[in-house]
Amino acid sequence: MRETCVPSGVNLKDTGFGYTLSLIDGKYKMIIIYWLSEKKVMRHNELKRSIGSISFKTLSMMLKELEADELIIRKEYPQIPPKVEYSLSERGLSLLPMLNLMCEWGEQNRLTGCQ
């Protein structure tokens, strides 16, 4: 049996679990990571269209946070009009097994869960 990842008496933010949550916390970060894993490279407006319910400002903020946490790569092309593309970094790609587990869990439980 596995030890708990948040031992008794330890502050959640001081654990690996807390650190991971701090990187993917928020309504849209995992959705952005999902879309970038599917499409490989996307521009801002393409991400916005894919997500649908996100505002321009919120998407910009989420992308800046994901870039600061080194989960995505922002590549800017020096042209007029400006062209910026986003993709997952190696660090971001390392989250995909966790995303896949979440998908599997959801498929197994969405129809049998509380209704």
C-alpha atoms as a PDB file:
ATOM      1  CA  MET A   1       0.000   0.000   0.000  1.00  0.00           C
ATOM      2  CA  ARG A   2       1.217   3.482  -0.882  1.00  0.00           C
ATOM      3  CA  GLU A   3       2.012   6.089   1.756  1.00  0.00           C
ATOM      4  CA  THR A   4      -0.142   9.195   1.687  1.00  0.00           C
ATOM      5  CA  CYS A   5       1.278  12.011  -0.422  1.00  0.00           C
ATOM      6  CA  VAL A   6       0.151  14.513   2.219  1.00  0.00           C
ATOM      7  CA  PRO A   7       1.382  13.184   5.577  1.00  0.00           C
ATOM      8  CA  SER A   8      -0.468  14.238   8.699  1.00  0.00           C
ATOM      9  CA  GLY A   9       0.764  17.535  10.075  1.00  0.00           C
ATOM     10  CA  VAL A  10       2.384  18.649   6.813  1.00  0.00           C
ATOM     11  CA  ASN A  11       1.027  21.711   5.031  1.00  0.00           C
ATOM     12  CA  LEU A  12      -0.452  20.689   1.659  1.00  0.00           C
ATOM     13  CA  LYS A  13       1.477  23.412  -0.201  1.00  0.00           C
ATOM     14  CA  ASP A  14       4.744  21.906   1.064  1.00  0.00           C
ATOM     15  CA  THR A  15       4.144  18.550  -0.644  1.00  0.00           C
ATOM     16  CA  GLY A  16       4.581  17.271  -4.177  1.00  0.00           C
ATOM     17  CA  PHE A  17       0.809  17.012  -4.435  1.00  0.00           C
ATOM     18  CA  GLY A  18       0.406  20.648  -3.419  1.00  0.00           C
ATOM     19  CA  TYR A  19       3.084  21.735  -5.874  1.00  0.00           C
ATOM     20  CA  THR A  20       1.385  19.890  -8.741  1.00  0.00           C
ATOM     21  CA  LEU A  21      -1.973  21.441  -7.832  1.00  0.00           C
ATOM     22  CA  SER A  22      -0.395  24.904  -7.803  1.00  0.00           C
ATOM     23  CA  LEU A  23       0.737  24.418 -11.428  1.00  0.00           C
ATOM     24  CA  ILE A  24      -2.543  23.078 -12.818  1.00  0.00           C
ATOM     25  CA  ASP A  25      -4.940  24.923 -10.506  1.00  0.00           C
ATOM     26  CA  GLY A  26      -7.771  26.775 -12.150  1.00  0.00           C
ATOM     27  CA  LYS A  27     -10.646  26.052 -14.428  1.00  0.00           C
ATOM     28  CA  TYR A  28      -8.757  26.227 -17.723  1.00  0.00           C
ATOM     29  CA  LYS A  29      -5.130  25.130 -17.328  1.00  0.00           C
ATOM     30  CA  MET A  30      -5.745  21.410 -17.807  1.00  0.00           C
ATOM     31  CA  ILE A  31      -8.059  22.187 -20.736  1.00  0.00           C
ATOM     32  CA  ILE A  32      -5.303  24.246 -22.379  1.00  0.00           C
ATOM     33  CA  ILE A  33      -2.831  21.417 -21.795  1.00  0.00           C
ATOM     34  CA  TYR A  34      -5.348  18.972 -23.271  1.00  0.00           C
ATOM     35  CA  TRP A  35      -5.813  21.021 -26.464  1.00  0.00           C
ATOM     36  CA  LEU A  36      -2.082  21.525 -26.889  1.00  0.00           C
ATOM     37  CA  SER A  37      -1.550  17.776 -26.477  1.00  0.00           C
ATOM     38  CA  GLU A  38      -4.133  17.126 -29.210  1.00  0.00           C
ATOM     39  CA  LYS A  39      -3.109  19.803 -31.722  1.00  0.00           C
ATOM     40  CA  LYS A  40       0.628  20.104 -30.828  1.00  0.00           C
ATOM     41  CA  VAL A  41       0.827  23.803 -31.828  1.00  0.00           C
ATOM     42  CA  MET A  42      -1.942  26.374 -31.485  1.00  0.00           C
ATOM     43  CA  ARG A  43      -2.370  30.120 -31.717  1.00  0.00           C
ATOM     44  CA  HIS A  44      -4.243  32.223 -29.148  1.00  0.00           C
ATOM     45  CA  ASN A  45      -7.477  32.574 -31.123  1.00  0.00           C
ATOM     46  CA  GLU A  46      -7.481  28.880 -32.041  1.00  0.00           C
ATOM     47  CA  LEU A  47      -7.227  27.976 -28.343  1.00  0.00           C
ATOM     48  CA  LYS A  48     -10.006  30.443 -27.541  1.00  0.00           C
ATOM     49  CA  ARG A  49     -12.297  28.895 -30.172  1.00  0.00           C
ATOM     50  CA  SER A  50     -11.499  25.372 -28.974  1.00  0.00           C
ATOM     51  CA  ILE A  51     -12.231  26.182 -25.331  1.00  0.00           C
ATOM     52  CA  GLY A  52     -15.231  28.368 -26.109  1.00  0.00           C
ATOM     53  CA  SER A  53     -16.196  29.674 -22.684  1.00  0.00           C
ATOM     54  CA  ILE A  54     -12.936  31.476 -21.851  1.00  0.00           C
ATOM     55  CA  SER A  55     -12.430  35.237 -22.171  1.00  0.00           C
ATOM     56  CA  PHE A  56      -9.501  36.707 -24.086  1.00  0.00           C
ATOM     57  CA  LYS A  57      -8.065  38.153 -20.868  1.00  0.00           C
ATOM     58  CA  THR A  58      -8.381  34.908 -18.894  1.00  0.00           C
ATOM     59  CA  LEU A  59      -6.785  32.871 -21.677  1.00  0.00           C
ATOM     60  CA  SER A  60      -3.902  35.347 -21.879  1.00  0.00           C
ATOM     61  CA  MET A  61      -3.401  35.134 -18.120  1.00  0.00           C
ATOM     62  CA  MET A  62      -3.511  31.303 -18.107  1.00  0.00           C
ATOM     63  CA  LEU A  63      -1.019  31.121 -20.977  1.00  0.00           C
ATOM     64  CA  LYS A  64       1.363  33.503 -19.178  1.00  0.00           C
ATOM     65  CA  GLU A  65       1.156  31.400 -15.997  1.00  0.00           C
ATOM     66  CA  LEU A  66       1.706  28.143 -17.886  1.00  0.00           C
ATOM     67  CA  GLU A  67       4.690  29.691 -19.673  1.00  0.00           C
ATOM     68  CA  ALA A  68       6.139  31.026 -16.393  1.00  0.00           C
ATOM     69  CA  ASP A  69       5.806  27.519 -14.909  1.00  0.00           C
ATOM     70  CA  GLU A  70       7.603  26.162 -17.997  1.00  0.00           C
ATOM     71  CA  LEU A  71       4.685  23.924 -18.995  1.00  0.00           C
ATOM     72  CA  ILE A  72       4.223  25.553 -22.400  1.00  0.00           C
ATOM     73  CA  ILE A  73       6.469  27.219 -24.939  1.00  0.00           C
ATOM     74  CA  ARG A  74       5.514  30.545 -26.492  1.00  0.00           C
ATOM     75  CA  LYS A  75       7.101  31.118 -29.879  1.00  0.00           C
ATOM     76  CA  GLU A  76       6.799  34.583 -31.375  1.00  0.00           C
ATOM     77  CA  TYR A  77       7.487  35.191 -35.061  1.00  0.00           C
ATOM     78  CA  PRO A  78       8.811  38.640 -36.055  1.00  0.00           C
ATOM     79  CA  GLN A  79       6.252  39.558 -38.695  1.00  0.00           C
ATOM     80  CA  ILE A  80       3.340  41.898 -39.297  1.00  0.00           C
ATOM     81  CA  PRO A  81       0.767  41.075 -38.025  1.00  0.00           C
ATOM     82  CA  PRO A  82       2.494  39.363 -35.097  1.00  0.00           C
ATOM     83  CA  LYS A  83       2.220  35.585 -35.012  1.00  0.00           C
ATOM     84  CA  VAL A  84       2.510  33.680 -31.716  1.00  0.00           C
ATOM     85  CA  GLU A  85       2.235  29.919 -31.315  1.00  0.00           C
ATOM     86  CA  TYR A  86       1.967  27.824 -28.171  1.00  0.00           C
ATOM     87  CA  SER A  87       3.050  24.240 -27.635  1.00  0.00           C
ATOM     88  CA  LEU A  88       3.762  21.962 -24.692  1.00  0.00           C
ATOM     89  CA  SER A  89       7.274  21.924 -23.280  1.00  0.00           C
ATOM     90  CA  GLU A  90       8.961  18.694 -22.201  1.00  0.00           C
ATOM     91  CA  ARG A  91       7.794  19.516 -18.686  1.00  0.00           C
ATOM     92  CA  GLY A  92       4.224  20.012 -19.938  1.00  0.00           C
ATOM     93  CA  LEU A  93       4.369  16.763 -21.895  1.00  0.00           C
ATOM     94  CA  SER A  94       5.301  14.984 -18.653  1.00  0.00           C
ATOM     95  CA  LEU A  95       1.803  15.833 -17.336  1.00  0.00           C
ATOM     96  CA  LEU A  96       0.091  13.842 -20.115  1.00  0.00           C
ATOM     97  CA  PRO A  97       0.115  10.478 -18.278  1.00  0.00           C
ATOM     98  CA  MET A  98      -1.798  12.176 -15.442  1.00  0.00           C
ATOM     99  CA  LEU A  99      -4.235  13.702 -17.953  1.00  0.00           C
ATOM    100  CA  ASN A 100      -4.748  10.287 -19.547  1.00  0.00           C
ATOM    101  CA  LEU A 101      -5.456   8.738 -16.131  1.00  0.00           C
ATOM    102  CA  MET A 102      -8.037  11.461 -15.470  1.00  0.00           C
ATOM    103  CA  CYS A 103      -9.685  10.670 -18.814  1.00  0.00           C
ATOM    104  CA  GLU A 104      -9.769   6.946 -18.065  1.00  0.00           C
ATOM    105  CA  TRP A 105     -11.176   7.522 -14.579  1.00  0.00           C
ATOM    106  CA  GLY A 106     -13.850   9.823 -15.982  1.00  0.00           C
ATOM    107  CA  GLU A 107     -14.881   7.290 -18.638  1.00  0.00           C
ATOM    108  CA  GLN A 108     -15.127   4.531 -16.033  1.00  0.00           C
ATOM    109  CA  ASN A 109     -17.062   6.619 -13.537  1.00  0.00           C
ATOM    110  CA  ARG A 110     -19.181   9.176 -15.392  1.00  0.00           C
ATOM    111  CA  LEU A 111     -22.072   6.806 -16.027  1.00  0.00           C
ATOM    112  CA  THR A 112     -21.853   4.922 -12.744  1.00  0.00           C
ATOM    113  CA  GLY A 113     -21.291   7.887 -10.403  1.00  0.00           C
ATOM    114  CA  CYS A 114     -23.883   9.683  -8.300  1.00  0.00           C
ATOM    115  CA  GLN A 115     -26.780  10.836 -10.417  1.00  0.00           C
END
